[in-house]
Amino acid sequence: EIKEYAENFLGKVILCLEKMMMTPLELSGHYKMLKDEITSYHSLSPMVILAKDYIDHHYFDTSISLNEVAEMVQVSPTYLSKRIKTELGASFITYLTKVRIKKALLLMKDPHLKIYEIADMVGYSTQHYFSNAFKKVTGISPTVYRGGAKSYE
């Protein structure tokens, strides 16, 4: 809520690291990741920043689509798709998948959440589809990741 209020007040996008640091050793890695994200924002057009922000805040919606995001930023889906690919280096669906899997990795830290619950929380209608996407991005299944193979982070 504070971030949204500040963004509205300043009229600028504010970047936040949405991951709690587990140890002081991880600080440099998180710092570099945040610095890279800030740097990438400076090279993005306002339209792609808006689209990226919309995706980042609506990734959990199973029906989110390129058409919906394009309508929100008031451009054609084809034009937005090309700009996202050019500026982010990934297609709309690839970027959405990466956002969803990043959020899933954070949720996986809670041992009380079942994999099917995490799948639902990040916008996948079935656990099978989520598992396939998870493995495609991380190289391992959600079950293996939970079992201790946390190489993706």
N, C-alpha and C. Protein backbone atom coordinates (compact mmCIF):
# COMPACT_ATOMS: atom_id res chain seq x y z
N GLU A 1 0.82 -1.19 0.00
CA GLU A 1 0.00 0.00 0.00
C GLU A 1 0.87 1.26 0.00
N ILE A 2 1.96 1.21 0.76
CA ILE A 2 2.86 2.37 0.82
C ILE A 2 3.49 2.60 -0.55
N LYS A 3 3.91 1.51 -1.21
CA LYS A 3 4.51 1.62 -2.54
C LYS A 3 3.52 2.25 -3.52
N GLU A 4 2.28 1.78 -3.52
CA GLU A 4 1.27 2.33 -4.44
C GLU A 4 1.00 3.80 -4.15
N TYR A 5 0.91 4.16 -2.88
CA TYR A 5 0.67 5.55 -2.52
C TYR A 5 1.83 6.43 -3.00
N ALA A 6 3.05 5.97 -2.76
CA ALA A 6 4.23 6.73 -3.18
C ALA A 6 4.28 6.87 -4.70
N GLU A 7 3.93 5.79 -5.42
CA GLU A 7 3.92 5.85 -6.88
C GLU A 7 2.90 6.87 -7.37
N ASN A 8 1.73 6.86 -6.76
CA ASN A 8 0.69 7.82 -7.15
C ASN A 8 1.12 9.25 -6.82
N PHE A 9 1.69 9.44 -5.65
CA PHE A 9 2.12 10.76 -5.22
C PHE A 9 3.26 11.30 -6.10
N LEU A 10 4.24 10.44 -6.38
CA LEU A 10 5.40 10.86 -7.16
C LEU A 10 5.17 10.78 -8.66
N GLY A 11 4.20 9.99 -9.06
CA GLY A 11 3.95 9.80 -10.50
C GLY A 11 5.05 8.99 -11.15
N LYS A 12 5.72 8.17 -10.37
CA LYS A 12 6.82 7.34 -10.89
C LYS A 12 6.66 5.92 -10.40
N VAL A 13 7.26 5.00 -11.12
CA VAL A 13 7.27 3.61 -10.72
C VAL A 13 8.37 3.41 -9.69
N ILE A 14 8.05 2.75 -8.60
CA ILE A 14 9.03 2.48 -7.55
C ILE A 14 9.29 0.98 -7.56
N LEU A 15 10.57 0.62 -7.56
CA LEU A 15 10.95 -0.79 -7.54
C LEU A 15 11.16 -1.24 -6.11
N CYS A 16 10.63 -2.40 -5.81
CA CYS A 16 10.82 -2.99 -4.48
C CYS A 16 11.33 -4.41 -4.66
N LEU A 17 12.17 -4.81 -3.75
CA LEU A 17 12.62 -6.19 -3.74
C LEU A 17 11.60 -6.96 -2.90
N GLU A 18 10.86 -7.86 -3.53
CA GLU A 18 9.77 -8.54 -2.85
C GLU A 18 10.23 -9.87 -2.26
N LYS A 19 11.50 -10.00 -1.96
CA LYS A 19 12.02 -11.23 -1.40
C LYS A 19 12.78 -10.90 -0.13
N MET A 20 12.48 -11.61 0.91
CA MET A 20 13.19 -11.38 2.15
C MET A 20 14.56 -12.03 2.06
N MET A 21 15.57 -11.34 2.51
CA MET A 21 16.91 -11.90 2.49
C MET A 21 17.06 -12.91 3.62
N MET A 22 17.60 -14.06 3.28
CA MET A 22 17.73 -15.12 4.26
C MET A 22 19.03 -14.98 5.07
N THR A 23 20.12 -14.60 4.42
CA THR A 23 21.40 -14.47 5.11
C THR A 23 22.10 -13.22 4.59
N PRO A 24 23.03 -12.69 5.36
CA PRO A 24 23.80 -11.53 4.88
C PRO A 24 24.59 -11.82 3.61
N LEU A 25 24.94 -13.08 3.38
CA LEU A 25 25.71 -13.44 2.19
C LEU A 25 24.92 -13.22 0.90
N GLU A 26 23.59 -13.26 1.01
CA GLU A 26 22.75 -13.06 -0.17
C GLU A 26 22.59 -11.59 -0.53
N LEU A 27 23.03 -10.70 0.34
CA LEU A 27 22.84 -9.27 0.14
C LEU A 27 23.43 -8.79 -1.18
N SER A 28 24.66 -9.19 -1.50
CA SER A 28 25.28 -8.70 -2.74
C SER A 28 24.53 -9.19 -3.97
N GLY A 29 24.04 -10.40 -3.94
CA GLY A 29 23.26 -10.92 -5.08
C GLY A 29 21.96 -10.18 -5.26
N HIS A 30 21.28 -9.88 -4.16
CA HIS A 30 20.02 -9.14 -4.23
C HIS A 30 20.27 -7.69 -4.65
N TYR A 31 21.36 -7.12 -4.17
CA TYR A 31 21.71 -5.76 -4.56
C TYR A 31 21.94 -5.68 -6.06
N LYS A 32 22.71 -6.63 -6.59
CA LYS A 32 22.99 -6.65 -8.03
C LYS A 32 21.70 -6.84 -8.83
N MET A 33 20.82 -7.73 -8.36
CA MET A 33 19.56 -7.98 -9.05
C MET A 33 18.70 -6.71 -9.08
N LEU A 34 18.61 -6.02 -7.94
CA LEU A 34 17.82 -4.79 -7.87
C LEU A 34 18.43 -3.70 -8.74
N LYS A 35 19.76 -3.59 -8.72
CA LYS A 35 20.46 -2.60 -9.54
C LYS A 35 20.20 -2.86 -11.04
N ASP A 36 20.27 -4.12 -11.44
CA ASP A 36 20.01 -4.49 -12.83
C ASP A 36 18.57 -4.16 -13.23
N GLU A 37 17.64 -4.40 -12.30
CA GLU A 37 16.23 -4.10 -12.59
C GLU A 37 16.02 -2.60 -12.75
N ILE A 38 16.66 -1.81 -11.89
CA ILE A 38 16.55 -0.35 -12.00
C ILE A 38 17.14 0.12 -13.31
N THR A 39 18.30 -0.41 -13.68
CA THR A 39 18.95 -0.05 -14.94
C THR A 39 18.06 -0.41 -16.13
N SER A 40 17.42 -1.57 -16.07
CA SER A 40 16.57 -1.98 -17.18
C SER A 40 15.35 -1.06 -17.31
N TYR A 41 14.84 -0.53 -16.20
CA TYR A 41 13.70 0.39 -16.26
C TYR A 41 14.05 1.66 -17.02
N HIS A 42 15.29 2.11 -16.93
CA HIS A 42 15.68 3.33 -17.62
C HIS A 42 15.70 3.15 -19.13
N SER A 43 15.86 1.92 -19.59
CA SER A 43 15.92 1.68 -21.03
C SER A 43 14.56 1.29 -21.62
N LEU A 44 13.53 1.22 -20.79
CA LEU A 44 12.21 0.82 -21.28
C LEU A 44 11.35 2.03 -21.61
N SER A 45 10.50 1.85 -22.62
CA SER A 45 9.55 2.91 -22.96
C SER A 45 8.45 2.95 -21.90
N PRO A 46 7.79 4.08 -21.73
CA PRO A 46 6.71 4.17 -20.74
C PRO A 46 5.61 3.13 -20.97
N MET A 47 5.31 2.83 -22.22
CA MET A 47 4.28 1.85 -22.54
C MET A 47 4.68 0.47 -22.01
N VAL A 48 5.91 0.07 -22.22
CA VAL A 48 6.37 -1.24 -21.76
C VAL A 48 6.48 -1.26 -20.23
N ILE A 49 6.86 -0.16 -19.63
CA ILE A 49 6.89 -0.08 -18.16
C ILE A 49 5.49 -0.29 -17.60
N LEU A 50 4.50 0.36 -18.20
CA LEU A 50 3.11 0.18 -17.75
C LEU A 50 2.65 -1.26 -17.93
N ALA A 51 2.97 -1.84 -19.08
CA ALA A 51 2.58 -3.23 -19.35
C ALA A 51 3.26 -4.17 -18.37
N LYS A 52 4.54 -3.97 -18.15
CA LYS A 52 5.31 -4.79 -17.22
C LYS A 52 4.75 -4.67 -15.81
N ASP A 53 4.44 -3.46 -15.39
CA ASP A 53 3.89 -3.24 -14.06
C ASP A 53 2.52 -3.92 -13.93
N TYR A 54 1.70 -3.83 -14.98
CA TYR A 54 0.39 -4.47 -14.97
C TYR A 54 0.54 -5.99 -14.82
N ILE A 55 1.44 -6.56 -15.60
CA ILE A 55 1.69 -8.01 -15.53
C ILE A 55 2.19 -8.38 -14.13
N ASP A 56 3.12 -7.59 -13.60
CA ASP A 56 3.69 -7.87 -12.28
C ASP A 56 2.64 -7.83 -11.17
N HIS A 57 1.57 -7.07 -11.37
CA HIS A 57 0.54 -6.95 -10.35
C HIS A 57 -0.70 -7.81 -10.62
N HIS A 58 -0.79 -8.42 -11.80
CA HIS A 58 -1.96 -9.24 -12.15
C HIS A 58 -1.58 -10.65 -12.62
N TYR A 59 -0.35 -11.07 -12.35
CA TYR A 59 0.13 -12.38 -12.79
C TYR A 59 -0.74 -13.53 -12.30
N PHE A 60 -1.38 -13.38 -11.15
CA PHE A 60 -2.18 -14.43 -10.53
C PHE A 60 -3.52 -14.66 -11.22
N ASP A 61 -3.91 -13.75 -12.10
CA ASP A 61 -5.17 -13.87 -12.83
C ASP A 61 -5.00 -14.89 -13.96
N THR A 62 -5.74 -15.98 -13.89
CA THR A 62 -5.58 -17.04 -14.89
C THR A 62 -5.98 -16.58 -16.28
N SER A 63 -6.78 -15.53 -16.37
CA SER A 63 -7.26 -15.09 -17.69
C SER A 63 -6.48 -13.89 -18.24
N ILE A 64 -5.38 -13.49 -17.59
CA ILE A 64 -4.61 -12.35 -18.10
C ILE A 64 -4.14 -12.68 -19.52
N SER A 65 -4.26 -11.69 -20.39
CA SER A 65 -3.89 -11.92 -21.80
C SER A 65 -3.20 -10.70 -22.38
N LEU A 66 -2.55 -10.91 -23.49
CA LEU A 66 -1.91 -9.82 -24.21
C LEU A 66 -2.96 -8.78 -24.59
N ASN A 67 -4.13 -9.23 -25.02
CA ASN A 67 -5.21 -8.30 -25.40
C ASN A 67 -5.62 -7.41 -24.22
N GLU A 68 -5.72 -8.00 -23.05
CA GLU A 68 -6.10 -7.26 -21.85
C GLU A 68 -5.05 -6.20 -21.50
N VAL A 69 -3.79 -6.59 -21.55
CA VAL A 69 -2.70 -5.66 -21.23
C VAL A 69 -2.63 -4.57 -22.29
N ALA A 70 -2.76 -4.92 -23.54
CA ALA A 70 -2.74 -3.94 -24.63
C ALA A 70 -3.87 -2.94 -24.49
N GLU A 71 -5.03 -3.42 -24.10
CA GLU A 71 -6.17 -2.52 -23.90
C GLU A 71 -5.88 -1.55 -22.75
N MET A 72 -5.24 -2.06 -21.71
CA MET A 72 -4.92 -1.23 -20.55
C MET A 72 -3.94 -0.11 -20.93
N VAL A 73 -2.95 -0.42 -21.78
CA VAL A 73 -1.97 0.60 -22.17
C VAL A 73 -2.39 1.33 -23.45
N GLN A 74 -3.55 0.96 -23.99
CA GLN A 74 -4.18 1.63 -25.12
C GLN A 74 -3.36 1.58 -26.41
N VAL A 75 -2.88 0.37 -26.72
CA VAL A 75 -2.22 0.12 -28.01
C VAL A 75 -2.73 -1.21 -28.54
N SER A 76 -2.40 -1.52 -29.77
CA SER A 76 -2.84 -2.79 -30.33
C SER A 76 -2.00 -3.93 -29.74
N PRO A 77 -2.60 -5.11 -29.63
CA PRO A 77 -1.86 -6.26 -29.09
C PRO A 77 -0.60 -6.59 -29.90
N THR A 78 -0.68 -6.46 -31.22
CA THR A 78 0.47 -6.75 -32.07
C THR A 78 1.62 -5.79 -31.78
N TYR A 79 1.31 -4.51 -31.68
CA TYR A 79 2.33 -3.50 -31.41
C TYR A 79 2.95 -3.73 -30.04
N LEU A 80 2.12 -3.98 -29.03
CA LEU A 80 2.63 -4.22 -27.68
C LEU A 80 3.51 -5.46 -27.65
N SER A 81 3.08 -6.50 -28.32
CA SER A 81 3.85 -7.74 -28.37
C SER A 81 5.26 -7.50 -28.94
N LYS A 82 5.33 -6.74 -30.02
CA LYS A 82 6.63 -6.44 -30.63
C LYS A 82 7.51 -5.61 -29.70
N ARG A 83 6.91 -4.61 -29.03
CA ARG A 83 7.68 -3.75 -28.12
C ARG A 83 8.18 -4.53 -26.90
N ILE A 84 7.34 -5.40 -26.37
CA ILE A 84 7.76 -6.23 -25.23
C ILE A 84 8.91 -7.12 -25.63
N LYS A 85 8.78 -7.75 -26.78
CA LYS A 85 9.84 -8.65 -27.28
C LYS A 85 11.14 -7.88 -27.47
N THR A 86 11.06 -6.69 -28.05
CA THR A 86 12.24 -5.88 -28.32
C THR A 86 12.88 -5.37 -27.02
N GLU A 87 12.06 -4.82 -26.12
CA GLU A 87 12.60 -4.17 -24.94
C GLU A 87 12.90 -5.10 -23.77
N LEU A 88 12.12 -6.15 -23.62
CA LEU A 88 12.35 -7.08 -22.52
C LEU A 88 13.12 -8.32 -22.96
N GLY A 89 13.21 -8.51 -24.26
CA GLY A 89 13.95 -9.66 -24.77
C GLY A 89 13.19 -10.97 -24.62
N ALA A 90 11.90 -10.88 -24.38
CA ALA A 90 11.08 -12.08 -24.22
C ALA A 90 9.67 -11.78 -24.72
N SER A 91 8.98 -12.81 -25.14
CA SER A 91 7.60 -12.63 -25.58
C SER A 91 6.73 -12.35 -24.35
N PHE A 92 5.51 -11.90 -24.61
CA PHE A 92 4.56 -11.64 -23.53
C PHE A 92 4.40 -12.87 -22.64
N ILE A 93 4.14 -14.01 -23.25
CA ILE A 93 3.88 -15.22 -22.47
C ILE A 93 5.12 -15.68 -21.73
N THR A 94 6.29 -15.52 -22.33
CA THR A 94 7.54 -15.90 -21.65
C THR A 94 7.78 -15.02 -20.44
N TYR A 95 7.54 -13.71 -20.60
CA TYR A 95 7.71 -12.80 -19.46
C TYR A 95 6.70 -13.13 -18.36
N LEU A 96 5.44 -13.35 -18.72
CA LEU A 96 4.41 -13.69 -17.74
C LEU A 96 4.78 -14.98 -17.00
N THR A 97 5.25 -15.97 -17.73
CA THR A 97 5.65 -17.23 -17.12
C THR A 97 6.79 -17.03 -16.13
N LYS A 98 7.78 -16.23 -16.50
CA LYS A 98 8.90 -15.97 -15.59
C LYS A 98 8.45 -15.26 -14.32
N VAL A 99 7.54 -14.31 -14.46
CA VAL A 99 7.01 -13.60 -13.29
C VAL A 99 6.28 -14.60 -12.39
N ARG A 100 5.45 -15.44 -12.97
CA ARG A 100 4.69 -16.41 -12.18
C ARG A 100 5.61 -17.39 -11.46
N ILE A 101 6.65 -17.85 -12.14
CA ILE A 101 7.56 -18.82 -11.52
C ILE A 101 8.38 -18.15 -10.42
N LYS A 102 8.79 -16.89 -10.63
CA LYS A 102 9.50 -16.16 -9.57
C LYS A 102 8.64 -16.08 -8.31
N LYS A 103 7.37 -15.76 -8.48
CA LYS A 103 6.46 -15.68 -7.34
C LYS A 103 6.27 -17.06 -6.71
N ALA A 104 6.19 -18.08 -7.54
CA ALA A 104 6.04 -19.45 -7.04
C ALA A 104 7.25 -19.86 -6.21
N LEU A 105 8.44 -19.46 -6.65
CA LEU A 105 9.65 -19.79 -5.89
C LEU A 105 9.60 -19.19 -4.49
N LEU A 106 9.06 -17.99 -4.37
CA LEU A 106 8.91 -17.37 -3.06
C LEU A 106 7.89 -18.13 -2.21
N LEU A 107 6.79 -18.51 -2.83
CA LEU A 107 5.74 -19.23 -2.11
C LEU A 107 6.17 -20.63 -1.70
N MET A 108 7.08 -21.22 -2.45
CA MET A 108 7.57 -22.57 -2.15
C MET A 108 8.29 -22.63 -0.80
N LYS A 109 8.72 -21.49 -0.31
CA LYS A 109 9.42 -21.46 0.99
C LYS A 109 8.48 -21.76 2.15
N ASP A 110 7.18 -21.62 1.91
CA ASP A 110 6.21 -21.94 2.95
C ASP A 110 5.87 -23.43 2.84
N PRO A 111 6.33 -24.23 3.80
CA PRO A 111 6.11 -25.68 3.71
C PRO A 111 4.65 -26.09 3.88
N HIS A 112 3.81 -25.19 4.35
CA HIS A 112 2.40 -25.51 4.56
C HIS A 112 1.58 -25.40 3.28
N LEU A 113 2.10 -24.72 2.29
CA LEU A 113 1.38 -24.58 1.02
C LEU A 113 1.62 -25.80 0.14
N LYS A 114 0.55 -26.34 -0.38
CA LYS A 114 0.65 -27.46 -1.32
C LYS A 114 0.99 -26.91 -2.71
N ILE A 115 1.59 -27.75 -3.53
CA ILE A 115 1.99 -27.31 -4.87
C ILE A 115 0.77 -26.87 -5.69
N TYR A 116 -0.35 -27.58 -5.58
CA TYR A 116 -1.54 -27.17 -6.33
C TYR A 116 -2.07 -25.82 -5.84
N GLU A 117 -1.88 -25.51 -4.55
CA GLU A 117 -2.30 -24.21 -4.02
C GLU A 117 -1.40 -23.10 -4.58
N ILE A 118 -0.11 -23.37 -4.64
CA ILE A 118 0.83 -22.40 -5.20
C ILE A 118 0.51 -22.17 -6.67
N ALA A 119 0.23 -23.25 -7.40
CA ALA A 119 -0.13 -23.13 -8.82
C ALA A 119 -1.32 -22.20 -8.98
N ASP A 120 -2.33 -22.38 -8.16
CA ASP A 120 -3.51 -21.53 -8.22
C ASP A 120 -3.19 -20.08 -7.85
N MET A 121 -2.33 -19.89 -6.86
CA MET A 121 -2.00 -18.54 -6.39
C MET A 121 -1.21 -17.73 -7.41
N VAL A 122 -0.50 -18.41 -8.31
CA VAL A 122 0.30 -17.70 -9.31
C VAL A 122 -0.34 -17.72 -10.70
N GLY A 123 -1.59 -18.16 -10.79
CA GLY A 123 -2.32 -18.01 -12.04
C GLY A 123 -2.42 -19.22 -12.94
N TYR A 124 -2.08 -20.40 -12.43
CA TYR A 124 -2.21 -21.61 -13.25
C TYR A 124 -3.47 -22.36 -12.84
N SER A 125 -4.25 -22.78 -13.82
CA SER A 125 -5.52 -23.44 -13.52
C SER A 125 -5.33 -24.89 -13.11
N THR A 126 -4.21 -25.51 -13.53
CA THR A 126 -3.96 -26.89 -13.13
C THR A 126 -2.53 -27.05 -12.62
N GLN A 127 -2.36 -28.00 -11.71
CA GLN A 127 -1.03 -28.28 -11.18
C GLN A 127 -0.12 -28.84 -12.27
N HIS A 128 -0.68 -29.61 -13.17
CA HIS A 128 0.11 -30.20 -14.26
C HIS A 128 0.72 -29.11 -15.15
N TYR A 129 -0.09 -28.15 -15.54
CA TYR A 129 0.39 -27.04 -16.38
C TYR A 129 1.45 -26.23 -15.63
N PHE A 130 1.21 -25.99 -14.34
CA PHE A 130 2.18 -25.28 -13.52
C PHE A 130 3.50 -26.04 -13.45
N SER A 131 3.43 -27.34 -13.22
CA SER A 131 4.64 -28.15 -13.11
C SER A 131 5.45 -28.12 -14.40
N ASN A 132 4.76 -28.18 -15.54
CA ASN A 132 5.45 -28.10 -16.83
C ASN A 132 6.15 -26.76 -17.01
N ALA A 133 5.44 -25.67 -16.68
CA ALA A 133 6.03 -24.33 -16.81
C ALA A 133 7.19 -24.16 -15.83
N PHE A 134 7.02 -24.65 -14.62
CA PHE A 134 8.06 -24.55 -13.60
C PHE A 134 9.33 -25.26 -14.07
N LYS A 135 9.16 -26.46 -14.58
CA LYS A 135 10.31 -27.24 -15.05
C LYS A 135 10.97 -26.59 -16.26
N LYS A 136 10.17 -25.99 -17.12
CA LYS A 136 10.71 -25.32 -18.31
C LYS A 136 11.59 -24.13 -17.91
N VAL A 137 11.18 -23.38 -16.88
CA VAL A 137 11.94 -22.21 -16.45
C VAL A 137 13.12 -22.58 -15.57
N THR A 138 12.91 -23.48 -14.61
CA THR A 138 13.95 -23.78 -13.62
C THR A 138 14.81 -24.99 -13.97
N GLY A 139 14.27 -25.87 -14.80
CA GLY A 139 15.01 -27.08 -15.14
C GLY A 139 14.71 -28.26 -14.22
N ILE A 140 13.94 -28.01 -13.16
CA ILE A 140 13.56 -29.08 -12.24
C ILE A 140 12.08 -28.96 -11.90
N SER A 141 11.51 -30.05 -11.43
CA SER A 141 10.08 -30.03 -11.08
C SER A 141 9.89 -29.33 -9.73
N PRO A 142 8.66 -28.87 -9.47
CA PRO A 142 8.39 -28.24 -8.17
C PRO A 142 8.68 -29.18 -6.99
N THR A 143 8.39 -30.45 -7.16
CA THR A 143 8.63 -31.42 -6.09
C THR A 143 10.11 -31.56 -5.80
N VAL A 144 10.92 -31.64 -6.84
CA VAL A 144 12.37 -31.74 -6.66
C VAL A 144 12.91 -30.45 -6.03
N TYR A 145 12.41 -29.30 -6.48
CA TYR A 145 12.82 -28.02 -5.91
C TYR A 145 12.52 -27.99 -4.42
N ARG A 146 11.33 -28.40 -4.07
CA ARG A 146 10.94 -28.41 -2.66
C ARG A 146 11.81 -29.37 -1.85
N GLY A 147 12.29 -30.41 -2.53
CA GLY A 147 13.10 -31.40 -1.83
C GLY A 147 14.52 -30.95 -1.55
N GLY A 148 14.88 -29.74 -2.02
CA GLY A 148 16.19 -29.23 -1.68
C GLY A 148 17.06 -28.79 -2.84
N ALA A 149 16.66 -29.06 -4.06
CA ALA A 149 17.47 -28.68 -5.23
C ALA A 149 17.13 -27.26 -5.63
N LYS A 150 17.60 -26.27 -4.87
CA LYS A 150 17.21 -24.88 -5.08
C LYS A 150 18.28 -24.13 -5.90
N SER A 151 18.67 -24.71 -7.00
CA SER A 151 19.73 -24.12 -7.81
C SER A 151 19.29 -22.90 -8.60
N TYR A 152 17.99 -22.74 -8.84
CA TYR A 152 17.50 -21.65 -9.67
C TYR A 152 17.71 -20.29 -9.02
N GLU A 153 17.59 -20.23 -7.69
CA GLU A 153 17.70 -18.95 -6.99
C GLU A 153 19.09 -18.42 -7.17
